[in-house]
Amino acid sequence: MQTDIDPRNLIGRKAFDRNGTKIGTIDEVYLDDATGVPEWAAIRTGLFSRDAFVPLEPSELVEGTLQVPFERALIKDAPDFGVGRHLSPEQELQLYHHYGLDTSSAPTVPDRDFGKLAGTEDA
């Protein structure tokens, strides 16, 4: 994914699966603890549904929408960790495995703080 995009600008954008089927709307963007690079998006999958985490790499921002290279069913079946909280390295590893992604790029930073959500300011 393009790394020059402000992750706060992703919030509220629509997301679509590999077939062009709407997944939902991006609620939150999670940054890598070590690099600060946007790593995961939490997508609200429906009015009464939960948020599903999707990897921002290898997703693409195309014409103002997030194109996720996975099937909608796989995305909706992703592990549910709730939103608004830090993803632990173990939770991220579960997500990497769920999407069949190479875990050699998975974070190895110890879970020693709460991390940051895009758009939150340090106090």
Protein backbone atom coordinates (compact mmCIF):
# COMPACT_ATOMS: atom_id res chain seq x y z
CA MET A 1 0.00 0.00 0.00
CA GLN A 2 1.09 3.57 -0.53
CA THR A 3 2.96 4.70 2.56
CA ASP A 4 2.70 8.43 1.82
CA ILE A 5 -1.02 8.53 2.67
CA ASP A 6 -2.03 9.93 6.04
CA PRO A 7 -3.74 6.97 7.77
CA ARG A 8 -6.38 9.32 9.19
CA ASN A 9 -7.52 9.88 5.60
CA LEU A 10 -8.39 6.19 5.29
CA ILE A 11 -11.02 6.35 8.03
CA GLY A 12 -14.49 6.55 6.53
CA ARG A 13 -13.45 5.20 3.13
CA LYS A 14 -15.23 2.21 1.60
CA ALA A 15 -13.43 -1.11 1.25
CA PHE A 16 -13.99 -3.76 -1.41
CA ASP A 17 -12.83 -7.37 -1.72
CA ARG A 18 -10.89 -8.91 -4.62
CA ASN A 19 -14.13 -9.37 -6.61
CA GLY A 20 -15.31 -5.79 -6.15
CA THR A 21 -17.86 -6.73 -3.49
CA LYS A 22 -18.27 -4.09 -0.80
CA ILE A 23 -16.86 -5.18 2.55
CA GLY A 24 -17.74 -2.07 4.53
CA THR A 25 -16.29 1.19 5.82
CA ILE A 26 -12.89 1.70 7.47
CA ASP A 27 -13.41 2.53 11.16
CA GLU A 28 -9.83 2.56 12.42
CA VAL A 29 -6.26 2.22 11.21
CA TYR A 30 -3.62 0.48 13.31
CA LEU A 31 0.03 1.50 13.11
CA ASP A 32 3.07 -0.74 13.52
CA ASP A 33 4.55 -0.16 16.99
CA ALA A 34 8.14 -0.12 15.74
CA THR A 35 7.80 1.90 12.53
CA GLY A 36 4.57 3.89 12.86
CA VAL A 37 3.57 2.66 9.38
CA PRO A 38 -0.15 1.85 8.88
CA GLU A 39 -0.46 -1.94 9.10
CA TRP A 40 -4.10 -2.96 9.69
CA ALA A 41 -7.50 -1.47 8.98
CA ALA A 42 -10.61 -2.30 10.99
CA ILE A 43 -13.55 -2.41 8.58
CA ARG A 44 -17.15 -2.18 9.81
CA THR A 45 -18.75 -5.02 7.85
CA GLY A 46 -22.38 -3.99 8.27
CA LEU A 47 -24.85 -1.98 10.30
CA PHE A 48 -25.06 -4.55 13.13
CA SER A 49 -21.85 -6.39 12.36
CA ARG A 50 -18.43 -6.26 13.91
CA ASP A 51 -15.20 -4.79 12.63
CA ALA A 52 -12.92 -7.11 10.67
CA PHE A 53 -9.18 -6.53 10.55
CA VAL A 54 -7.56 -6.51 7.10
CA PRO A 55 -3.89 -6.05 6.27
CA LEU A 56 -3.05 -2.81 4.53
CA GLU A 57 -0.20 -4.57 2.74
CA PRO A 58 -0.96 -5.92 0.05
CA SER A 59 -4.19 -3.86 -0.14
CA GLU A 60 -4.31 -0.85 -2.46
CA LEU A 61 -5.97 2.54 -2.38
CA VAL A 62 -7.69 2.89 -5.76
CA GLU A 63 -9.80 5.91 -6.67
CA GLY A 64 -10.50 6.69 -3.03
CA THR A 65 -11.45 3.14 -1.97
CA LEU A 66 -9.46 0.38 -0.32
CA GLN A 67 -9.13 -2.69 -2.55
CA VAL A 68 -8.41 -5.73 -0.37
CA PRO A 69 -7.04 -8.78 -2.25
CA PHE A 70 -9.06 -11.35 -0.29
CA GLU A 71 -12.58 -12.79 -0.52
CA ARG A 72 -15.27 -11.10 1.58
CA ALA A 73 -16.04 -14.40 3.36
CA LEU A 74 -12.42 -14.75 4.50
CA ILE A 75 -12.40 -11.17 5.75
CA LYS A 76 -15.65 -11.61 7.69
CA ASP A 77 -14.20 -14.78 9.29
CA ALA A 78 -11.05 -13.00 10.53
CA PRO A 79 -10.34 -13.27 14.27
CA ASP A 80 -12.31 -10.68 16.25
CA PHE A 81 -10.19 -8.75 18.75
CA GLY A 82 -12.47 -5.75 19.16
CA VAL A 83 -11.49 -2.24 18.13
CA GLY A 84 -10.03 0.68 20.01
CA ARG A 85 -7.36 -1.45 21.65
CA HIS A 86 -3.80 -2.31 20.84
CA LEU A 87 -3.21 -5.46 18.82
CA SER A 88 -0.67 -7.67 20.57
CA PRO A 89 2.06 -9.39 18.54
CA GLU A 90 0.22 -12.69 19.12
CA GLN A 91 -3.03 -11.26 17.75
CA GLU A 92 -1.21 -9.88 14.71
CA LEU A 93 0.37 -13.28 14.14
CA GLN A 94 -3.10 -14.87 14.20
CA LEU A 95 -4.24 -12.36 11.59
CA TYR A 96 -1.19 -13.01 9.40
CA HIS A 97 -1.92 -16.75 9.56
CA HIS A 98 -5.62 -16.21 8.84
CA TYR A 99 -4.80 -14.34 5.64
CA GLY A 100 -2.02 -16.76 4.69
CA LEU A 101 0.58 -13.98 4.71
CA ASP A 102 4.30 -14.41 5.22
CA THR A 103 4.95 -14.07 8.94
CA SER A 104 8.62 -13.21 8.49
CA SER A 105 7.47 -9.61 8.20
CA ALA A 106 5.28 -9.90 11.29
CA PRO A 107 6.24 -7.60 14.15
CA THR A 108 8.65 -8.93 16.75
CA VAL A 109 8.48 -5.95 19.08
CA PRO A 110 7.62 -6.98 22.65
CA ASP A 111 4.13 -6.02 23.80
CA ARG A 112 5.22 -3.37 26.29
CA ASP A 113 2.89 -0.47 25.56
CA PHE A 114 -0.55 0.21 24.18
CA GLY A 115 0.59 1.40 20.75
CA LYS A 116 -1.26 4.08 18.86
CA LEU A 117 -4.36 4.38 16.78
CA ALA A 118 -4.16 6.70 13.83
CA GLY A 119 -5.56 10.10 14.70
CA THR A 120 -4.78 9.91 18.38
CA GLU A 121 -2.43 12.45 19.87
CA ASP A 122 0.11 11.90 22.61
CA ALA A 123 -0.88 13.61 25.84
